[in-house]
């Protein structure tokens, strides 16, 4: 009887150990599976975060590049405008100095009158010349001499001091031409501006090429 009880106890013990080991193995397997799933989810989340961070970094870099490109272009455009203003100011200064020189003004008016006389030597039209009040005395003195021995075409000059700026205005019949600081600078700018734009456009293209 004692042996039967002992055998029964040993059997229960063996079965309990086996059941406990089986349960432990199952718990371990479940824990390992849960850990693997958690690790996979964490890895996926991390990859998503990294991908989003990389995409955001690329968006920021592209936005910064765009802003930098715009800043460079704005700077070049401002530089172009500044140069254009500087060129215009320089031309204005030089033309003002030239047209303010009565000797140069006499020569210029003489050339205009001579060219007109050559083009229409038979014309008896009177040439009306207007200068500013500061130049009228010197131009009148020159005109009196010009219409004398120095006037092979016998041009008829009518002088006035009605111009309010440097230079002169001449009128023949219905045609009036102004040779003033503003008109001369406008003509010169039409010649200079395309070349200036070409140079600055080349600078912009070279800057774009370096960025690429």
Protein backbone atom coordinates (compact mmCIF):
# COMPACT_ATOMS: atom_id res chain seq x y z
CA UNK A 1 0.00 0.00 0.00
CA UNK A 2 2.84 2.34 0.90
CA UNK A 3 4.47 1.68 -2.46
CA UNK A 4 1.25 2.46 -4.28
CA UNK A 5 0.94 5.78 -2.48
CA UNK A 6 4.56 6.58 -3.17
CA UNK A 7 4.17 5.71 -6.82
CA UNK A 8 1.04 7.84 -6.97
CA UNK A 9 2.86 10.80 -5.42
CA UNK A 10 5.76 10.41 -7.81
CA UNK A 11 3.34 10.30 -10.71
CA UNK A 12 1.61 13.49 -9.56
CA UNK A 13 4.97 15.13 -9.10
CA UNK A 14 6.13 14.08 -12.54
CA UNK A 15 2.89 15.19 -14.15
CA UNK A 16 3.04 18.51 -12.25
CA UNK A 17 6.60 19.14 -13.34
CA UNK A 18 5.73 18.28 -16.92
CA UNK A 19 2.66 20.51 -16.86
CA UNK A 20 4.64 23.31 -15.27
CA UNK A 21 7.40 22.95 -17.83
CA UNK A 22 4.85 22.90 -20.63
CA UNK A 23 3.14 25.99 -19.27
CA UNK A 24 6.49 27.70 -18.82
CA UNK A 25 7.48 26.83 -22.38
CA UNK A 26 4.17 28.23 -23.64
CA UNK A 27 4.61 31.42 -21.65
CA UNK A 28 8.15 31.76 -22.95
CA UNK A 29 6.98 31.22 -26.53
CA UNK A 30 4.18 33.76 -26.08
CA UNK A 31 6.57 36.26 -24.57
CA UNK A 32 9.08 35.74 -27.36
CA UNK A 33 6.35 36.16 -29.99
CA UNK A 34 5.09 39.30 -28.29
CA UNK A 35 8.62 40.65 -28.08
CA UNK A 36 9.24 39.95 -31.75
CA UNK A 37 5.96 41.63 -32.70
CA UNK A 38 6.74 44.64 -30.52
CA UNK A 39 10.23 44.85 -32.00
CA UNK A 40 8.85 44.66 -35.54
CA UNK A 41 6.30 47.37 -34.80
CA UNK A 42 8.95 49.55 -33.18
CA UNK A 43 11.24 49.03 -36.15
CA UNK A 44 8.44 49.95 -38.56
CA UNK A 45 7.61 53.04 -36.51
CA UNK A 46 11.27 54.02 -36.41
CA UNK A 47 11.62 53.58 -40.17
CA UNK A 48 8.49 55.68 -40.68
CA UNK A 49 9.84 58.39 -38.39
CA UNK A 50 13.20 58.34 -40.18
CA UNK A 51 11.52 58.47 -43.59
CA UNK A 52 9.30 61.37 -42.52
CA UNK A 53 12.28 63.16 -40.99
CA UNK A 54 14.26 62.65 -44.20
CA UNK A 55 11.34 63.90 -46.32
CA UNK A 56 10.92 66.92 -44.06
CA UNK A 57 14.64 67.63 -44.27
CA UNK A 58 14.44 67.44 -48.05
CA UNK A 59 11.44 69.79 -48.06
CA UNK A 60 13.26 72.24 -45.81
CA UNK A 61 16.40 72.03 -47.97
CA UNK A 62 14.36 72.59 -51.14
CA UNK A 63 12.55 75.52 -49.53
CA UNK A 64 15.83 77.01 -48.35
CA UNK A 65 17.35 76.53 -51.82
CA UNK A 66 14.33 78.23 -53.36
CA UNK A 67 14.53 81.08 -50.86
CA UNK A 68 18.28 81.39 -51.49
CA UNK A 69 17.73 81.43 -55.25
CA UNK A 70 15.11 84.15 -54.86
CA UNK A 71 17.39 86.12 -52.57
CA UNK A 72 20.25 85.88 -55.08
CA UNK A 73 17.98 86.88 -57.95
CA UNK A 74 16.55 89.80 -55.95
CA UNK A 75 20.08 90.91 -55.10
CA UNK A 76 21.15 90.79 -58.74
CA UNK A 77 18.03 92.67 -59.84
CA UNK A 78 18.64 95.30 -57.17
CA UNK A 79 22.27 95.48 -58.29
CA UNK A 80 21.12 95.89 -61.89
CA UNK A 81 18.79 98.72 -60.91
CA UNK A 82 21.55 100.34 -58.87
CA UNK A 83 24.00 100.14 -61.77
CA UNK A 84 21.39 101.52 -64.18
CA UNK A 85 20.79 104.46 -61.86
CA UNK A 86 24.53 105.00 -61.49
CA UNK A 87 25.02 104.93 -65.27
CA UNK A 88 22.13 107.34 -65.76
CA UNK A 89 23.53 109.68 -63.10
CA UNK A 90 26.97 109.55 -64.72
CA UNK A 91 25.55 110.27 -68.18
CA UNK A 92 23.44 113.09 -66.76
CA UNK A 93 26.51 114.64 -65.14
CA UNK A 94 28.69 114.35 -68.26
CA UNK A 95 26.01 115.60 -70.66
CA UNK A 96 25.18 118.50 -68.34
CA UNK A 97 28.85 119.47 -68.26
CA UNK A 98 29.07 119.29 -72.06
CA UNK A 99 25.88 121.24 -72.79
CA UNK A 100 26.79 123.77 -70.11
CA UNK A 101 29.99 124.58 -72.00
CA UNK A 102 29.10 127.47 -74.34
CA UNK A 103 32.03 126.71 -76.67
CA UNK A 104 30.78 123.16 -77.12
CA UNK A 105 27.22 124.47 -77.51
CA UNK A 106 28.31 126.88 -80.27
CA UNK A 107 30.03 124.05 -82.14
CA UNK A 108 27.00 121.79 -81.76
CA UNK A 109 24.53 124.43 -82.97
CA UNK A 110 26.86 125.30 -85.85
CA UNK A 111 26.99 121.63 -86.92
CA UNK A 112 23.19 121.34 -86.79
CA UNK A 113 22.71 124.52 -88.85
CA UNK A 114 25.37 123.46 -91.36
CA UNK A 115 23.84 119.99 -91.76
CA UNK A 116 20.40 121.47 -92.34
CA UNK A 117 21.79 123.96 -94.87
CA UNK A 118 23.59 121.18 -96.75
CA UNK A 119 20.46 119.04 -96.93
CA UNK A 120 18.33 121.88 -98.30
CA UNK A 121 20.62 124.61 -99.61
CA UNK A 122 17.77 126.31 -101.49
CA UNK A 123 15.56 126.66 -98.43
CA UNK A 124 14.99 130.14 -97.07
CA UNK A 125 13.34 128.86 -93.90
CA UNK A 126 14.39 130.64 -90.75
CA UNK A 127 15.95 128.44 -88.08
CA UNK A 128 14.64 129.28 -84.62
CA UNK A 129 17.19 128.53 -81.91
CA UNK A 130 16.22 128.59 -78.24
CA UNK A 131 18.77 128.41 -75.42
CA UNK A 132 18.61 129.16 -71.70
CA UNK A 133 19.04 132.75 -70.50
CA UNK A 134 22.53 132.05 -69.15
CA UNK A 135 23.83 131.10 -72.60
CA UNK A 136 22.00 133.64 -74.79
CA UNK A 137 24.73 136.32 -74.69
CA UNK A 138 27.52 133.97 -75.80
CA UNK A 139 25.33 132.29 -78.44
CA UNK A 140 24.15 135.67 -79.80
CA UNK A 141 27.74 136.82 -80.21
CA UNK A 142 28.58 133.59 -82.02
CA UNK A 143 25.44 133.76 -84.20
CA UNK A 144 26.23 137.28 -85.41
CA UNK A 145 29.65 136.12 -86.53
CA UNK A 146 28.27 132.90 -88.02
CA UNK A 147 25.66 134.69 -90.11
CA UNK A 148 28.43 136.91 -91.45
CA UNK A 149 31.60 135.59 -93.03
CA UNK A 150 31.35 132.11 -91.46
CA UNK A 151 27.95 131.37 -92.97
CA UNK A 152 28.51 129.98 -96.48
CA UNK A 153 24.95 128.64 -96.61
CA UNK A 154 23.50 132.00 -95.52
CA UNK A 155 21.34 130.39 -92.85
CA UNK A 156 18.82 132.63 -91.13
CA UNK A 157 18.93 132.25 -87.34
CA UNK A 158 16.30 133.49 -84.92
CA UNK A 159 17.63 133.33 -81.35
CA UNK A 160 15.51 133.10 -78.19
CA UNK A 161 16.29 132.60 -74.50
CA UNK A 162 13.14 130.66 -73.63
CA UNK A 163 14.68 127.27 -72.90
CA UNK A 164 14.55 126.35 -69.21
CA UNK A 165 17.35 123.79 -69.26
CA UNK A 166 20.84 123.26 -70.62
CA UNK A 167 21.24 122.65 -74.34
CA UNK A 168 19.19 124.10 -77.15
CA UNK A 169 16.05 123.65 -79.17
CA UNK A 170 15.83 124.32 -82.86
CA UNK A 171 12.74 124.67 -84.97
CA UNK A 172 12.44 124.73 -88.74
CA UNK A 173 8.96 125.12 -90.18
CA UNK A 174 6.82 122.59 -88.28
CA UNK A 175 9.73 120.48 -87.01
CA UNK A 176 11.11 120.97 -83.51
CA UNK A 177 14.08 119.10 -82.06
CA UNK A 178 15.34 119.35 -78.50
CA UNK A 179 19.00 118.77 -77.71
CA UNK A 180 18.80 118.91 -73.93
CA UNK A 181 20.31 116.92 -71.09
CA UNK A 182 17.21 114.74 -70.79
CA UNK A 183 16.86 114.02 -74.51
CA UNK A 184 20.56 113.23 -74.97
CA UNK A 185 20.66 111.00 -71.87
CA UNK A 186 17.57 109.14 -73.10
CA UNK A 187 19.26 108.44 -76.44
CA UNK A 188 22.48 107.32 -74.77
CA UNK A 189 20.59 105.06 -72.35
CA UNK A 190 18.87 103.37 -75.28
CA UNK A 191 22.33 102.45 -76.54
CA UNK A 192 23.86 101.59 -73.17
CA UNK A 193 20.95 99.72 -71.55
CA UNK A 194 20.87 96.72 -73.93
CA UNK A 195 24.60 96.17 -73.45
CA UNK A 196 24.26 96.60 -69.72
CA UNK A 197 21.36 94.12 -69.61
CA UNK A 198 23.41 91.68 -71.66
CA UNK A 199 26.32 91.85 -69.22
CA UNK A 200 24.08 91.48 -66.16
CA UNK A 201 22.10 88.64 -67.78
CA UNK A 202 25.38 86.84 -68.43
CA UNK A 203 26.31 87.29 -64.77
CA UNK A 204 22.94 85.82 -63.75
CA UNK A 205 23.41 82.84 -66.09
CA UNK A 206 26.88 82.20 -64.72
CA UNK A 207 25.53 82.38 -61.17
CA UNK A 208 22.78 79.88 -62.07
CA UNK A 209 25.39 77.60 -63.66
CA UNK A 210 27.53 77.60 -60.53
CA UNK A 211 24.49 76.73 -58.38
CA UNK A 212 23.68 73.79 -60.65
